[in-house]
């Protein structure tokens, strides 16, 4: 929805995407949004949800790389595309 000044979802942090998703849900739940705008909001919300899920999966992969070694906890670098 670049026409309303919002940036590309892929550039948002998890926190920013989640906050925007919460706003989208609130607007849709209000029932006061015209049909065409509701459709656009729903599409943006779906994109935001997928982005948040991707960010969480990447974070989970990074956490899974933390291992218990003989010298204590150590982290191995992980490449999450």
C-alpha atoms as a PDB file:
ATOM      1  CA  UNK A   1       0.000   0.000   0.000  1.00  0.00           C
ATOM      2  CA  UNK A   2       2.650   2.460  -1.040  1.00  0.00           C
ATOM      3  CA  UNK A   3      -0.039   4.971  -1.939  1.00  0.00           C
ATOM      4  CA  UNK A   4      -0.757   5.638   1.724  1.00  0.00           C
ATOM      5  CA  UNK A   5       2.878   6.302   2.566  1.00  0.00           C
ATOM      6  CA  UNK A   6       3.671   2.949   4.131  1.00  0.00           C
ATOM      7  CA  UNK A   7       6.994   1.432   3.207  1.00  0.00           C
ATOM      8  CA  UNK A   8       7.699  -2.038   1.928  1.00  0.00           C
ATOM      9  CA  UNK A   9       6.973  -4.712   4.504  1.00  0.00           C
ATOM     10  CA  UNK A  10      10.356  -6.401   3.988  1.00  0.00           C
ATOM     11  CA  UNK A  11      12.078  -3.286   5.359  1.00  0.00           C
ATOM     12  CA  UNK A  12      10.162  -3.359   8.655  1.00  0.00           C
ATOM     13  CA  UNK A  13      11.526  -4.725  11.887  1.00  0.00           C
ATOM     14  CA  UNK A  14       9.493  -7.417  13.621  1.00  0.00           C
ATOM     15  CA  UNK A  15       8.227  -4.899  16.171  1.00  0.00           C
ATOM     16  CA  UNK A  16       7.212  -2.344  13.550  1.00  0.00           C
ATOM     17  CA  UNK A  17       5.464  -4.984  11.430  1.00  0.00           C
ATOM     18  CA  UNK A  18       3.603  -6.356  14.450  1.00  0.00           C
ATOM     19  CA  UNK A  19       2.482  -2.865  15.516  1.00  0.00           C
ATOM     20  CA  UNK A  20       1.230  -2.127  12.013  1.00  0.00           C
ATOM     21  CA  UNK A  21      -0.528  -5.506  11.852  1.00  0.00           C
ATOM     22  CA  UNK A  22      -2.330  -4.697  15.107  1.00  0.00           C
ATOM     23  CA  UNK A  23      -3.502  -1.384  13.614  1.00  0.00           C
ATOM     24  CA  UNK A  24      -4.702  -3.141  10.454  1.00  0.00           C
ATOM     25  CA  UNK A  25      -6.670  -5.673  12.503  1.00  0.00           C
ATOM     26  CA  UNK A  26      -8.229  -2.925  14.628  1.00  0.00           C
ATOM     27  CA  UNK A  27      -9.317  -0.997  11.526  1.00  0.00           C
ATOM     28  CA  UNK A  28     -10.805  -4.093   9.922  1.00  0.00           C
ATOM     29  CA  UNK A  29     -12.597  -5.053  13.134  1.00  0.00           C
ATOM     30  CA  UNK A  30     -14.084  -1.565  13.444  1.00  0.00           C
ATOM     31  CA  UNK A  31     -16.338  -2.275  10.479  1.00  0.00           C
ATOM     32  CA  UNK A  32     -16.040   1.328   9.379  1.00  0.00           C
ATOM     33  CA  UNK A  33     -13.709   0.782   6.419  1.00  0.00           C
ATOM     34  CA  UNK A  34     -15.121   0.777   2.867  1.00  0.00           C
ATOM     35  CA  UNK A  35     -14.983  -2.539   1.002  1.00  0.00           C
ATOM     36  CA  UNK A  36     -12.116  -1.693  -1.369  1.00  0.00           C
ATOM     37  CA  UNK A  37     -10.002  -0.335   1.460  1.00  0.00           C
ATOM     38  CA  UNK A  38     -10.828  -3.416   3.537  1.00  0.00           C
ATOM     39  CA  UNK A  39      -9.499  -5.636   0.772  1.00  0.00           C
ATOM     40  CA  UNK A  40      -6.283  -3.616   0.559  1.00  0.00           C
ATOM     41  CA  UNK A  41      -5.927  -3.673   4.355  1.00  0.00           C
ATOM     42  CA  UNK A  42      -6.474  -7.430   4.407  1.00  0.00           C
ATOM     43  CA  UNK A  43      -3.763  -7.918   1.776  1.00  0.00           C
ATOM     44  CA  UNK A  44      -1.359  -5.696   3.745  1.00  0.00           C
ATOM     45  CA  UNK A  45      -2.210  -7.593   6.916  1.00  0.00           C
ATOM     46  CA  UNK A  46      -1.479 -10.937   5.243  1.00  0.00           C
ATOM     47  CA  UNK A  47       1.872  -9.610   4.057  1.00  0.00           C
ATOM     48  CA  UNK A  48       2.681  -8.276   7.537  1.00  0.00           C
ATOM     49  CA  UNK A  49       1.721 -11.609   9.140  1.00  0.00           C
ATOM     50  CA  UNK A  50       3.988 -13.546   6.773  1.00  0.00           C
ATOM     51  CA  UNK A  51       6.836 -11.108   7.436  1.00  0.00           C
ATOM     52  CA  UNK A  52       6.441 -11.505  11.204  1.00  0.00           C
ATOM     53  CA  UNK A  53       6.412 -15.290  10.856  1.00  0.00           C
ATOM     54  CA  UNK A  54       9.604 -15.154   8.763  1.00  0.00           C
ATOM     55  CA  UNK A  55      11.304 -12.949  11.350  1.00  0.00           C
ATOM     56  CA  UNK A  56      10.287 -15.331  14.141  1.00  0.00           C
ATOM     57  CA  UNK A  57      11.574 -18.353  12.214  1.00  0.00           C
ATOM     58  CA  UNK A  58      14.901 -16.592  11.663  1.00  0.00           C
ATOM     59  CA  UNK A  59      15.126 -15.749  15.364  1.00  0.00           C
ATOM     60  CA  UNK A  60      14.304 -19.343  16.310  1.00  0.00           C
ATOM     61  CA  UNK A  61      17.045 -20.598  13.981  1.00  0.00           C
ATOM     62  CA  UNK A  62      19.556 -18.256  15.587  1.00  0.00           C
ATOM     63  CA  UNK A  63      18.556 -19.355  19.085  1.00  0.00           C
ATOM     64  CA  UNK A  64      18.826 -23.007  18.033  1.00  0.00           C
ATOM     65  CA  UNK A  65      22.453 -22.348  17.101  1.00  0.00           C
ATOM     66  CA  UNK A  66      23.290 -21.584  20.708  1.00  0.00           C
ATOM     67  CA  UNK A  67      24.885 -24.697  22.097  1.00  0.00           C
ATOM     68  CA  UNK A  68      26.286 -25.859  25.379  1.00  0.00           C
ATOM     69  CA  UNK A  69      30.002 -26.474  24.964  1.00  0.00           C
ATOM     70  CA  UNK A  70      32.713 -27.588  27.389  1.00  0.00           C
ATOM     71  CA  UNK A  71      33.483 -23.944  28.161  1.00  0.00           C
ATOM     72  CA  UNK A  72      29.856 -22.981  28.684  1.00  0.00           C
ATOM     73  CA  UNK A  73      27.308 -21.542  26.323  1.00  0.00           C
ATOM     74  CA  UNK A  74      28.616 -20.447  22.968  1.00  0.00           C
ATOM     75  CA  UNK A  75      26.945 -19.209  19.845  1.00  0.00           C
ATOM     76  CA  UNK A  76      27.784 -20.348  16.374  1.00  0.00           C
ATOM     77  CA  UNK A  77      27.237 -17.934  13.502  1.00  0.00           C
ATOM     78  CA  UNK A  78      24.235 -18.851  11.406  1.00  0.00           C
ATOM     79  CA  UNK A  79      23.323 -17.676   7.941  1.00  0.00           C
ATOM     80  CA  UNK A  80      19.568 -17.152   7.749  1.00  0.00           C
ATOM     81  CA  UNK A  81      18.541 -15.903   4.348  1.00  0.00           C
END
